[in-house]
Amino acid sequence: MTAMQPHPAGFGTRTKGVYPIAATPFTETGAVDWDSLDRLTDFYTEAGATGLTILGILGEAQKLEPEESREIARRVITRTDIPVVVGVSSPSFAAMRSLSAQAMDLGAAGVMLAPASHLRSDEQIAGYFANAVEAIGEGTPWALQDYPLTLSVVMSVPLIARLMETFPSCVMLKAEDWPGLEKITALRKRQAEGLRPFSILTANGGLFLDFEPERGSDGAMTGYAFPDMLVRLDALHRTGKRDEAHDLFDAHLPLIRFEQQPGVGLAVRKYVLMKRGAIACDLQRKPGVALTAQGRAEVDYLLERLSRTDPQSFAIV
């Protein structure tokens, strides 16, 4: 096997920038809101995103019909000129194979894979990804999602290094272990010692974006409802404006923290996206939770304060 070449639009082992994780908008009846999906795609593109990641956990992919997943991928890929990464994780390798093939045929830049939640040992995890890569094809570039807080699968630095060496089609690590700063440093150290190149984009709602670039991350792959702020923050880090980057992060931290509440976090994020005009309705497809009236009032208060401390973030609506 040979290492994957970077996607022409930028998805590869040297990817840098911001790949927002997209929500999936639904109507009040639970149907996919196609008009809002178009508007949301434009919202991320106009925010200056480097790329876009769809059909992930934030996108409620597990609640979608296969036909809906394919149409969402088609609609997003054909509407934007930035690279689109499609989440294809599934308990079924057959379903994974089908969606991956469809997405790549539609023009996706690559796919994202997460380990199945029942995996525990390194050998189980390595075996799972061997089957997954066989399913999507060795020529399909993919991002490895490391998210033990939700997926309950722990991947150590030695295991991640092993997976990267075994599967050169893996071009990116979506790093969202917590705490994860030392893990990024350890992986970069291994690369300095000879581990092959791969990009590292970080998640966790952006909670640690104040220091992750200083540890060696290449950017963000997260769903914070102000992707335009993520783009600005990334640019400040890349140009060495450390204090300005931390000041911008500090202004947004109360809302970032509020979005990261277990259970209700997606409701907060979709409510903010609705308030910003990116989607028409903030409901989740069942099962899902909704914000209480008091919760909405608290988000409104945070947004009002943010509009004073960082008015530039309200330019994209």
Protein backbone atom coordinates (compact mmCIF):
# COMPACT_ATOMS: atom_id res chain seq x y z
CA MET A 1 0.00 0.00 0.00
CA THR A 2 1.08 3.58 -0.65
CA ALA A 3 0.17 6.72 1.20
CA MET A 4 -2.82 8.68 -0.05
CA GLN A 5 -2.24 11.83 -2.06
CA PRO A 6 -3.89 15.02 -0.76
CA HIS A 7 -7.32 15.80 -2.15
CA PRO A 8 -7.06 18.57 -4.79
CA ALA A 9 -9.06 20.87 -2.52
CA GLY A 10 -6.94 20.18 0.53
CA PHE A 11 -8.00 17.03 2.40
CA GLY A 12 -4.92 14.98 3.13
CA THR A 13 -1.97 14.39 5.44
CA ARG A 14 -1.06 18.12 5.38
CA THR A 15 -4.56 19.55 5.87
CA LYS A 16 -4.78 22.72 7.92
CA GLY A 17 -7.72 24.93 8.82
CA VAL A 18 -11.29 24.54 10.00
CA TYR A 19 -13.66 21.71 9.05
CA PRO A 20 -16.90 22.43 10.94
CA ILE A 21 -19.01 19.45 11.91
CA ALA A 22 -22.42 20.15 10.38
CA ALA A 23 -25.74 19.69 12.09
CA THR A 24 -28.64 18.09 10.22
CA PRO A 25 -31.70 20.38 10.21
CA PHE A 26 -35.16 18.89 10.65
CA THR A 27 -38.65 20.32 10.38
CA GLU A 28 -41.12 20.30 13.24
CA THR A 29 -42.46 16.99 11.92
CA GLY A 30 -39.01 15.36 12.01
CA ALA A 31 -38.41 15.39 8.26
CA VAL A 32 -35.08 16.56 6.86
CA ASP A 33 -35.34 20.30 6.16
CA TRP A 34 -33.72 20.49 2.73
CA ASP A 35 -34.01 24.28 2.42
CA SER A 36 -32.30 24.73 5.78
CA LEU A 37 -29.63 22.23 4.74
CA ASP A 38 -28.82 24.41 1.73
CA ARG A 39 -28.77 27.53 3.89
CA LEU A 40 -26.58 25.82 6.49
CA THR A 41 -24.11 24.70 3.82
CA ASP A 42 -23.88 28.31 2.59
CA PHE A 43 -23.46 29.48 6.19
CA TYR A 44 -20.41 27.28 6.74
CA THR A 45 -18.94 28.16 3.36
CA GLU A 46 -19.42 31.90 3.83
CA ALA A 47 -17.86 31.65 7.29
CA GLY A 48 -14.58 30.80 5.56
CA ALA A 49 -14.43 27.12 6.45
CA THR A 50 -11.57 25.16 4.87
CA GLY A 51 -13.80 22.11 4.53
CA LEU A 52 -16.95 20.59 5.97
CA THR A 53 -17.73 17.35 7.81
CA ILE A 54 -21.23 15.91 7.59
CA LEU A 55 -23.17 12.91 8.95
CA GLY A 56 -21.28 12.73 12.23
CA ILE A 57 -22.60 12.34 15.76
CA LEU A 58 -23.57 16.03 15.80
CA GLY A 59 -25.38 15.47 12.50
CA GLU A 60 -27.60 12.80 14.13
CA ALA A 61 -26.42 10.37 11.46
CA GLN A 62 -27.62 7.37 13.47
CA LYS A 63 -31.23 8.62 13.11
CA LEU A 64 -31.20 8.89 9.31
CA GLU A 65 -32.48 6.51 6.66
CA PRO A 66 -29.80 5.37 4.15
CA GLU A 67 -31.56 7.30 1.38
CA GLU A 68 -31.55 10.46 3.49
CA SER A 69 -27.84 10.12 4.22
CA ARG A 70 -27.05 9.77 0.53
CA GLU A 71 -29.20 12.75 -0.44
CA ILE A 72 -27.68 14.92 2.30
CA ALA A 73 -24.22 14.04 1.02
CA ARG A 74 -25.21 14.77 -2.58
CA ARG A 75 -26.84 18.06 -1.71
CA VAL A 76 -23.96 19.38 0.39
CA ILE A 77 -21.18 18.21 -1.96
CA THR A 78 -22.82 19.76 -5.02
CA ARG A 79 -23.61 23.04 -3.27
CA THR A 80 -20.14 23.95 -1.99
CA ASP A 81 -16.69 24.03 -3.54
CA ILE A 82 -14.85 23.25 -0.30
CA PRO A 83 -13.90 19.62 0.45
CA VAL A 84 -16.58 17.59 2.21
CA VAL A 85 -15.78 14.68 4.54
CA VAL A 86 -18.65 12.25 5.07
CA GLY A 87 -19.13 10.26 8.27
CA VAL A 88 -19.77 6.63 7.33
CA SER A 89 -19.40 4.88 10.69
CA SER A 90 -21.90 2.07 11.11
CA PRO A 91 -22.30 -1.24 12.97
CA SER A 92 -22.66 -2.77 9.49
CA PHE A 93 -19.61 -2.94 7.21
CA ALA A 94 -22.03 -3.41 4.30
CA ALA A 95 -23.74 -0.11 5.11
CA MET A 96 -20.34 1.52 5.57
CA ARG A 97 -19.22 0.22 2.17
CA SER A 98 -22.35 1.46 0.46
CA LEU A 99 -22.40 4.99 1.90
CA SER A 100 -18.65 5.44 1.43
CA ALA A 101 -18.84 4.40 -2.24
CA GLN A 102 -21.82 6.66 -2.83
CA ALA A 103 -20.15 9.63 -1.12
CA MET A 104 -16.91 9.26 -3.05
CA ASP A 105 -18.80 8.86 -6.33
CA LEU A 106 -20.63 12.10 -5.53
CA GLY A 107 -17.31 13.92 -5.08
CA ALA A 108 -16.57 13.70 -1.36
CA ALA A 109 -12.98 14.45 -0.35
CA GLY A 110 -12.94 11.49 2.01
CA VAL A 111 -14.79 9.78 4.84
CA MET A 112 -14.62 9.64 8.64
CA LEU A 113 -14.53 6.42 10.66
CA ALA A 114 -15.05 5.90 14.38
CA PRO A 115 -14.44 2.67 16.29
CA ALA A 116 -17.48 0.60 17.27
CA SER A 117 -18.35 1.20 20.92
CA HIS A 118 -17.96 -2.47 21.96
CA LEU A 119 -14.23 -2.58 21.17
CA ARG A 120 -11.83 -2.78 24.10
CA SER A 121 -8.43 -4.32 23.33
CA ASP A 122 -5.86 -2.94 20.89
CA GLU A 123 -6.19 -6.09 18.81
CA GLN A 124 -9.96 -5.72 18.59
CA ILE A 125 -9.62 -2.10 17.50
CA ALA A 126 -6.92 -2.87 14.92
CA GLY A 127 -9.00 -5.74 13.57
CA TYR A 128 -12.07 -3.55 13.31
CA PHE A 129 -10.26 -0.92 11.26
CA ALA A 130 -8.76 -3.59 9.01
CA ASN A 131 -12.32 -4.63 8.16
CA ALA A 132 -13.45 -1.00 7.83
CA VAL A 133 -10.65 -0.12 5.41
CA GLU A 134 -11.44 -3.23 3.40
CA ALA A 135 -15.08 -2.07 3.26
CA ILE A 136 -14.42 1.49 2.10
CA GLY A 137 -11.50 0.54 -0.14
CA GLU A 138 -7.79 1.17 0.38
CA GLY A 139 -7.94 4.07 -2.06
CA THR A 140 -10.43 6.05 0.03
CA PRO A 141 -8.82 8.68 2.27
CA TRP A 142 -10.29 8.76 5.75
CA ALA A 143 -10.15 10.50 9.10
CA LEU A 144 -9.85 8.51 12.33
CA GLN A 145 -12.18 9.75 15.07
CA ASP A 146 -10.74 9.40 18.57
CA TYR A 147 -13.66 10.22 20.88
CA PRO A 148 -13.55 8.01 23.99
CA LEU A 149 -15.88 10.23 26.02
CA THR A 150 -18.84 9.32 23.82
CA LEU A 151 -17.71 6.16 22.02
CA SER A 152 -16.17 4.56 25.17
CA VAL A 153 -13.23 3.26 23.11
CA VAL A 154 -9.79 4.24 24.38
CA MET A 155 -7.04 4.49 21.78
CA SER A 156 -3.57 5.04 23.21
CA VAL A 157 -0.80 6.96 21.47
CA PRO A 158 1.02 3.70 20.57
CA LEU A 159 -2.19 2.27 19.11
CA ILE A 160 -2.91 5.39 17.05
CA ALA A 161 0.67 5.30 15.76
CA ARG A 162 0.19 1.62 14.86
CA LEU A 163 -3.04 2.36 13.00
CA MET A 164 -1.40 5.19 11.07
CA GLU A 165 1.47 2.98 9.97
CA THR A 166 -0.83 0.06 9.11
CA PHE A 167 -3.38 2.11 7.16
CA PRO A 168 -1.73 4.82 5.02
CA SER A 169 -5.15 5.73 3.64
CA CYS A 170 -5.84 7.34 7.04
CA VAL A 171 -4.78 10.93 6.38
CA MET A 172 -6.19 12.65 9.46
CA LEU A 173 -6.79 12.22 13.18
CA LYS A 174 -9.88 13.87 14.59
CA ALA A 175 -8.57 14.31 18.12
CA GLU A 176 -11.19 14.67 20.82
CA ASP A 177 -9.85 12.77 23.76
CA TRP A 178 -10.13 14.67 27.03
CA PRO A 179 -7.66 15.64 28.31
CA GLY A 180 -5.97 15.63 24.92
CA LEU A 181 -3.18 18.22 24.96
CA GLU A 182 -0.49 15.78 26.04
CA LYS A 183 -1.75 13.24 23.51
CA ILE A 184 -1.24 15.73 20.67
CA THR A 185 2.26 16.49 21.91
CA ALA A 186 3.09 12.79 22.16
CA LEU A 187 1.88 12.11 18.62
CA ARG A 188 3.85 15.02 17.20
CA LYS A 189 6.91 13.74 19.03
CA ARG A 190 6.46 10.35 17.38
CA GLN A 191 6.21 12.04 14.00
CA ALA A 192 9.44 13.91 14.67
CA GLU A 193 11.00 10.53 15.39
CA GLY A 194 9.80 8.99 12.11
CA LEU A 195 6.06 8.28 12.29
CA ARG A 196 4.56 9.16 8.90
CA PRO A 197 2.74 12.48 8.40
CA PHE A 198 -0.97 12.89 9.11
CA SER A 199 -2.97 15.96 10.00
CA ILE A 200 -4.55 16.51 13.42
CA LEU A 201 -7.78 18.48 13.72
CA THR A 202 -9.32 18.87 17.16
CA ALA A 203 -12.89 18.80 18.43
CA ASN A 204 -14.56 18.70 21.88
CA GLY A 205 -16.69 21.68 20.90
CA GLY A 206 -13.59 23.86 20.80
CA LEU A 207 -13.08 23.75 24.59
CA PHE A 208 -9.30 23.54 24.29
CA LEU A 209 -8.70 25.55 21.13
CA ASP A 210 -6.81 28.12 23.15
CA PHE A 211 -3.83 25.76 23.52
CA GLU A 212 -4.26 22.95 20.99
CA PRO A 213 -2.55 24.79 18.10
CA GLU A 214 0.42 25.46 20.39
CA ARG A 215 0.64 21.70 20.98
CA GLY A 216 0.73 20.95 17.26
CA SER A 217 -2.84 20.68 16.01
CA ASP A 218 -3.50 21.72 12.42
CA GLY A 219 -6.90 23.24 13.05
CA ALA A 220 -10.42 22.44 14.23
CA MET A 221 -13.07 19.89 13.29
CA THR A 222 -15.85 20.77 15.66
CA GLY A 223 -19.43 21.96 15.69
CA TYR A 224 -19.33 25.23 17.63
CA ALA A 225 -22.13 27.38 16.25
CA PHE A 226 -19.76 30.24 15.38
CA PRO A 227 -17.60 28.67 12.65
CA ASP A 228 -16.56 32.15 11.54
CA MET A 229 -14.96 32.64 14.96
CA LEU A 230 -13.14 29.32 14.58
CA VAL A 231 -11.71 30.54 11.27
CA ARG A 232 -10.55 33.81 12.83
CA LEU A 233 -9.09 32.02 15.83
CA ASP A 234 -7.17 29.61 13.61
CA ALA A 235 -5.76 32.52 11.59
CA LEU A 236 -4.60 34.31 14.74
CA HIS A 237 -2.83 31.18 15.98
CA ARG A 238 -1.17 30.60 12.59
CA THR A 239 0.15 34.17 12.45
CA GLY A 240 1.60 34.06 15.95
CA LYS A 241 -0.88 36.48 17.54
CA ARG A 242 -1.12 34.53 20.74
CA ASP A 243 -2.69 37.12 23.02
CA GLU A 244 -5.28 38.10 20.42
CA ALA A 245 -6.14 34.44 19.90
CA HIS A 246 -6.62 33.87 23.61
CA ASP A 247 -8.68 37.07 23.95
CA LEU A 248 -11.03 35.92 21.19
CA PHE A 249 -11.30 32.46 22.71
CA ASP A 250 -12.02 33.91 26.16
CA ALA A 251 -14.89 35.99 24.75
CA HIS A 252 -16.56 32.85 23.40
CA LEU A 253 -15.71 30.45 26.22
CA PRO A 254 -18.97 30.87 28.20
CA LEU A 255 -21.03 29.85 25.15
CA ILE A 256 -18.58 27.09 24.16
CA ARG A 257 -18.87 25.68 27.67
CA PHE A 258 -22.67 25.94 27.62
CA GLU A 259 -22.77 24.05 24.31
CA GLN A 260 -20.74 21.22 25.82
CA GLN A 261 -23.32 20.17 28.42
CA PRO A 262 -23.87 16.41 28.21
CA GLY A 263 -27.31 15.52 26.92
CA VAL A 264 -28.49 19.01 26.09
CA GLY A 265 -25.46 20.24 24.15
CA LEU A 266 -26.88 19.54 20.69
CA ALA A 267 -30.08 21.35 21.61
CA VAL A 268 -28.02 24.40 22.58
CA ARG A 269 -26.02 24.28 19.37
CA LYS A 270 -29.04 23.93 17.11
CA TYR A 271 -30.82 26.74 18.98
CA VAL A 272 -27.86 29.05 18.36
CA LEU A 273 -27.74 28.05 14.69
CA MET A 274 -31.45 28.87 14.47
CA LYS A 275 -30.95 32.21 16.22
CA ARG A 276 -28.18 33.00 13.72
CA GLY A 277 -30.53 32.27 10.81
CA ALA A 278 -28.63 29.21 9.58
CA ILE A 279 -31.55 26.80 10.10
CA ALA A 280 -35.29 27.34 10.48
CA CYS A 281 -35.97 24.92 13.34
CA ASP A 282 -33.84 23.71 16.23
CA LEU A 283 -35.63 20.42 16.87
CA GLN A 284 -33.77 17.12 16.90
CA ARG A 285 -35.14 13.95 15.37
CA LYS A 286 -36.45 11.65 18.13
CA PRO A 287 -35.02 10.60 20.47
CA GLY A 288 -33.71 14.01 21.43
CA VAL A 289 -34.00 16.67 24.09
CA ALA A 290 -35.12 20.27 23.83
CA LEU A 291 -34.10 23.36 25.74
CA THR A 292 -36.46 24.58 28.42
CA ALA A 293 -37.64 28.17 28.34
CA GLN A 294 -35.09 29.00 31.03
CA GLY A 295 -32.33 27.29 29.04
CA ARG A 296 -33.20 29.36 25.96
CA ALA A 297 -33.18 32.52 28.05
CA GLU A 298 -29.70 31.66 29.32
CA VAL A 299 -28.43 31.15 25.78
CA ASP A 300 -30.02 34.44 24.72
CA TYR A 301 -28.21 36.16 27.58
CA LEU A 302 -24.87 34.64 26.54
CA LEU A 303 -25.44 35.70 22.93
CA GLU A 304 -26.30 39.23 23.96
CA ARG A 305 -23.11 39.49 26.01
CA LEU A 306 -21.08 37.99 23.17
CA SER A 307 -22.48 40.54 20.73
CA ARG A 308 -20.87 43.25 22.88
CA THR A 309 -17.51 41.56 23.47
CA ASP A 310 -17.09 40.25 19.92
CA PRO A 311 -19.49 42.00 17.51
CA GLN A 312 -17.50 40.75 14.51
CA SER A 313 -18.79 37.23 15.14
CA PHE A 314 -22.30 38.37 14.26
CA ALA A 315 -21.40 39.44 10.72
CA ILE A 316 -22.26 35.99 9.29
CA VAL A 317 -26.01 35.33 9.57
